[in-house]
N, C-alpha and C. Protein backbone atom coordinates (compact mmCIF):
# COMPACT_ATOMS: atom_id res chain seq x y z
N MET A 1 0.82 -1.20 0.00
CA MET A 1 0.00 0.00 0.00
C MET A 1 0.86 1.26 0.00
N GLY A 2 1.96 1.21 0.71
CA GLY A 2 2.82 2.38 0.78
C GLY A 2 3.40 2.75 -0.57
N ASN A 3 3.81 1.73 -1.33
CA ASN A 3 4.40 2.02 -2.63
C ASN A 3 3.35 2.58 -3.60
N LEU A 4 2.12 2.06 -3.55
CA LEU A 4 1.05 2.61 -4.37
C LEU A 4 0.83 4.09 -4.06
N MET A 5 0.78 4.39 -2.78
CA MET A 5 0.56 5.77 -2.35
C MET A 5 1.72 6.67 -2.77
N ARG A 6 2.93 6.18 -2.59
CA ARG A 6 4.11 6.96 -2.96
C ARG A 6 4.11 7.26 -4.46
N MET A 7 3.83 6.25 -5.27
CA MET A 7 3.83 6.44 -6.72
C MET A 7 2.71 7.40 -7.15
N GLN A 8 1.55 7.29 -6.51
CA GLN A 8 0.45 8.20 -6.85
C GLN A 8 0.80 9.63 -6.48
N LEU A 9 1.45 9.81 -5.35
CA LEU A 9 1.87 11.15 -4.95
C LEU A 9 2.90 11.72 -5.92
N HIS A 10 3.80 10.89 -6.41
CA HIS A 10 4.82 11.36 -7.35
C HIS A 10 4.23 11.81 -8.69
N MET A 11 3.01 11.39 -9.00
CA MET A 11 2.36 11.83 -10.24
C MET A 11 1.92 13.30 -10.16
N ASP A 12 1.81 13.82 -8.96
CA ASP A 12 1.40 15.20 -8.72
C ASP A 12 2.62 16.12 -8.87
N LYS A 13 2.51 17.12 -9.72
CA LYS A 13 3.63 18.04 -9.99
C LYS A 13 3.96 18.93 -8.79
N THR A 14 3.05 19.03 -7.82
CA THR A 14 3.31 19.88 -6.66
C THR A 14 4.06 19.14 -5.55
N ILE A 15 4.36 17.87 -5.76
CA ILE A 15 5.06 17.07 -4.76
C ILE A 15 6.57 17.16 -4.99
N VAL A 16 7.29 17.56 -3.97
CA VAL A 16 8.75 17.61 -4.01
C VAL A 16 9.30 16.26 -3.56
N PHE A 17 8.73 15.69 -2.49
CA PHE A 17 9.20 14.43 -1.94
C PHE A 17 8.00 13.65 -1.41
N ALA A 18 8.00 12.35 -1.68
CA ALA A 18 6.99 11.45 -1.11
C ALA A 18 7.68 10.12 -0.80
N GLY A 19 7.52 9.67 0.41
CA GLY A 19 8.11 8.41 0.82
C GLY A 19 7.30 7.81 1.94
N TYR A 20 7.61 6.57 2.24
CA TYR A 20 6.92 5.90 3.34
C TYR A 20 7.89 4.99 4.07
N GLN A 21 7.49 4.61 5.27
CA GLN A 21 8.32 3.75 6.09
C GLN A 21 7.40 2.87 6.93
N ILE A 22 7.78 1.62 7.08
CA ILE A 22 7.08 0.70 7.98
C ILE A 22 8.00 0.55 9.19
N PRO A 23 7.65 1.17 10.32
CA PRO A 23 8.55 1.15 11.47
C PRO A 23 8.89 -0.27 11.95
N HIS A 24 7.90 -1.15 11.97
CA HIS A 24 8.15 -2.53 12.39
C HIS A 24 7.15 -3.42 11.68
N PRO A 25 7.61 -4.55 11.12
CA PRO A 25 6.70 -5.39 10.33
C PRO A 25 5.55 -6.02 11.13
N LEU A 26 5.67 -6.09 12.43
CA LEU A 26 4.60 -6.67 13.25
C LEU A 26 3.57 -5.62 13.68
N GLU A 27 3.86 -4.36 13.43
CA GLU A 27 2.92 -3.29 13.77
C GLU A 27 2.13 -2.92 12.52
N ASN A 28 0.84 -2.73 12.68
CA ASN A 28 -0.02 -2.34 11.57
C ASN A 28 0.02 -0.81 11.44
N ARG A 29 1.19 -0.30 11.01
CA ARG A 29 1.39 1.14 10.96
C ARG A 29 2.34 1.49 9.82
N MET A 30 2.06 2.60 9.16
CA MET A 30 2.92 3.09 8.09
C MET A 30 3.04 4.61 8.26
N VAL A 31 4.24 5.11 8.07
CA VAL A 31 4.49 6.55 8.16
C VAL A 31 4.72 7.06 6.74
N ILE A 32 3.90 8.03 6.33
CA ILE A 32 4.03 8.63 5.00
C ILE A 32 4.60 10.03 5.18
N LYS A 33 5.64 10.32 4.40
CA LYS A 33 6.26 11.65 4.45
C LYS A 33 6.05 12.32 3.11
N VAL A 34 5.53 13.55 3.17
CA VAL A 34 5.20 14.30 1.95
C VAL A 34 5.70 15.73 2.10
N GLN A 35 6.39 16.21 1.05
CA GLN A 35 6.79 17.61 0.99
C GLN A 35 6.26 18.17 -0.32
N THR A 36 5.62 19.33 -0.25
CA THR A 36 5.02 19.94 -1.44
C THR A 36 5.72 21.26 -1.76
N THR A 37 5.39 21.80 -2.92
CA THR A 37 5.93 23.09 -3.34
C THR A 37 5.25 24.25 -2.63
N GLY A 38 4.16 23.99 -1.93
CA GLY A 38 3.43 25.03 -1.24
C GLY A 38 2.13 25.39 -1.92
N VAL A 39 1.92 24.87 -3.12
CA VAL A 39 0.66 25.12 -3.83
C VAL A 39 -0.50 24.49 -3.06
N LYS A 40 -0.27 23.30 -2.52
CA LYS A 40 -1.26 22.66 -1.65
C LYS A 40 -0.53 22.05 -0.47
N THR A 41 -1.27 21.80 0.59
CA THR A 41 -0.66 21.24 1.79
C THR A 41 -0.42 19.74 1.59
N PRO A 42 0.47 19.15 2.38
CA PRO A 42 0.68 17.70 2.29
C PRO A 42 -0.62 16.91 2.53
N VAL A 43 -1.47 17.39 3.42
CA VAL A 43 -2.75 16.71 3.69
C VAL A 43 -3.63 16.73 2.45
N GLN A 44 -3.70 17.88 1.79
CA GLN A 44 -4.48 17.97 0.56
C GLN A 44 -3.91 17.06 -0.52
N ALA A 45 -2.59 16.98 -0.62
CA ALA A 45 -1.96 16.12 -1.61
C ALA A 45 -2.29 14.65 -1.35
N VAL A 46 -2.25 14.24 -0.09
CA VAL A 46 -2.57 12.85 0.26
C VAL A 46 -4.04 12.56 -0.03
N GLU A 47 -4.92 13.49 0.33
CA GLU A 47 -6.35 13.30 0.05
C GLU A 47 -6.60 13.16 -1.44
N HIS A 48 -5.96 13.99 -2.24
CA HIS A 48 -6.13 13.92 -3.69
C HIS A 48 -5.59 12.60 -4.24
N ALA A 49 -4.44 12.16 -3.74
CA ALA A 49 -3.86 10.89 -4.17
C ALA A 49 -4.79 9.72 -3.82
N LEU A 50 -5.40 9.77 -2.65
CA LEU A 50 -6.33 8.71 -2.25
C LEU A 50 -7.56 8.68 -3.15
N GLU A 51 -8.08 9.85 -3.50
CA GLU A 51 -9.24 9.92 -4.41
C GLU A 51 -8.87 9.32 -5.77
N ASP A 52 -7.68 9.66 -6.27
CA ASP A 52 -7.23 9.12 -7.56
C ASP A 52 -7.08 7.60 -7.50
N LEU A 53 -6.53 7.10 -6.40
CA LEU A 53 -6.36 5.65 -6.25
C LEU A 53 -7.71 4.94 -6.19
N ARG A 54 -8.66 5.52 -5.47
CA ARG A 54 -10.01 4.93 -5.41
C ARG A 54 -10.61 4.84 -6.80
N SER A 55 -10.46 5.89 -7.58
CA SER A 55 -10.98 5.91 -8.94
C SER A 55 -10.31 4.85 -9.82
N GLU A 56 -9.00 4.74 -9.71
CA GLU A 56 -8.27 3.75 -10.50
C GLU A 56 -8.67 2.32 -10.12
N VAL A 57 -8.84 2.06 -8.82
CA VAL A 57 -9.25 0.73 -8.38
C VAL A 57 -10.65 0.41 -8.85
N ALA A 58 -11.56 1.38 -8.81
CA ALA A 58 -12.92 1.16 -9.29
C ALA A 58 -12.93 0.85 -10.78
N THR A 59 -12.12 1.56 -11.55
CA THR A 59 -12.02 1.29 -12.99
C THR A 59 -11.45 -0.09 -13.24
N LEU A 60 -10.42 -0.45 -12.51
CA LEU A 60 -9.81 -1.78 -12.64
C LEU A 60 -10.81 -2.88 -12.31
N GLN A 61 -11.57 -2.69 -11.24
CA GLN A 61 -12.57 -3.68 -10.85
C GLN A 61 -13.64 -3.83 -11.93
N GLU A 62 -14.10 -2.72 -12.47
CA GLU A 62 -15.13 -2.76 -13.51
C GLU A 62 -14.61 -3.47 -14.77
N GLU A 63 -13.39 -3.17 -15.17
CA GLU A 63 -12.80 -3.82 -16.34
C GLU A 63 -12.62 -5.32 -16.11
N PHE A 64 -12.20 -5.70 -14.91
CA PHE A 64 -12.03 -7.11 -14.58
C PHE A 64 -13.36 -7.85 -14.64
N GLU A 65 -14.39 -7.26 -14.03
CA GLU A 65 -15.71 -7.91 -14.02
C GLU A 65 -16.26 -8.06 -15.44
N ASN A 66 -16.06 -7.05 -16.28
CA ASN A 66 -16.52 -7.15 -17.67
C ASN A 66 -15.75 -8.23 -18.43
N ALA A 67 -14.45 -8.31 -18.24
CA ALA A 67 -13.66 -9.34 -18.91
C ALA A 67 -14.04 -10.72 -18.41
N PHE A 68 -14.34 -10.84 -17.12
CA PHE A 68 -14.74 -12.13 -16.54
C PHE A 68 -16.07 -12.59 -17.12
N LYS A 69 -17.03 -11.67 -17.22
CA LYS A 69 -18.34 -12.00 -17.80
C LYS A 69 -18.18 -12.42 -19.26
N HIS A 70 -17.34 -11.70 -19.98
CA HIS A 70 -17.11 -12.01 -21.39
C HIS A 70 -16.48 -13.41 -21.54
N ALA A 71 -15.52 -13.72 -20.69
CA ALA A 71 -14.86 -15.02 -20.74
C ALA A 71 -15.85 -16.15 -20.38
N LYS A 72 -16.73 -15.90 -19.41
CA LYS A 72 -17.72 -16.91 -19.04
C LYS A 72 -18.69 -17.15 -20.20
N GLN A 73 -19.11 -16.10 -20.85
CA GLN A 73 -20.03 -16.23 -21.99
C GLN A 73 -19.36 -16.96 -23.14
N LYS A 74 -18.11 -16.70 -23.34
CA LYS A 74 -17.36 -17.32 -24.43
C LYS A 74 -17.22 -18.84 -24.24
N THR A 75 -17.08 -19.25 -22.98
CA THR A 75 -16.93 -20.68 -22.68
C THR A 75 -18.28 -21.35 -22.46
N GLY A 76 -19.35 -20.58 -22.46
CA GLY A 76 -20.68 -21.15 -22.31
C GLY A 76 -21.09 -21.39 -20.88
N GLN A 77 -20.38 -20.83 -19.92
CA GLN A 77 -20.72 -20.98 -18.51
C GLN A 77 -21.54 -19.78 -18.07
N GLU A 78 -22.38 -20.00 -17.12
CA GLU A 78 -23.17 -18.89 -16.57
C GLU A 78 -22.96 -18.80 -15.12
């Protein structure tokens, strides 16, 4: 999840630095570090990145479901 978030943040031109760290593998915690140019705050940048990721996942899910239905129809299964 951290790498997805980092890569999505790097797509934003207002991001100077985006990184993440998992302090300990047994803890369910991730630290995200974001530095912006000042056009938007780091919180706004993270919120925007999360919205973009949600949209991409929804599109991916829709495309997968359509391909799955098509494949089932092609093989004659319902």
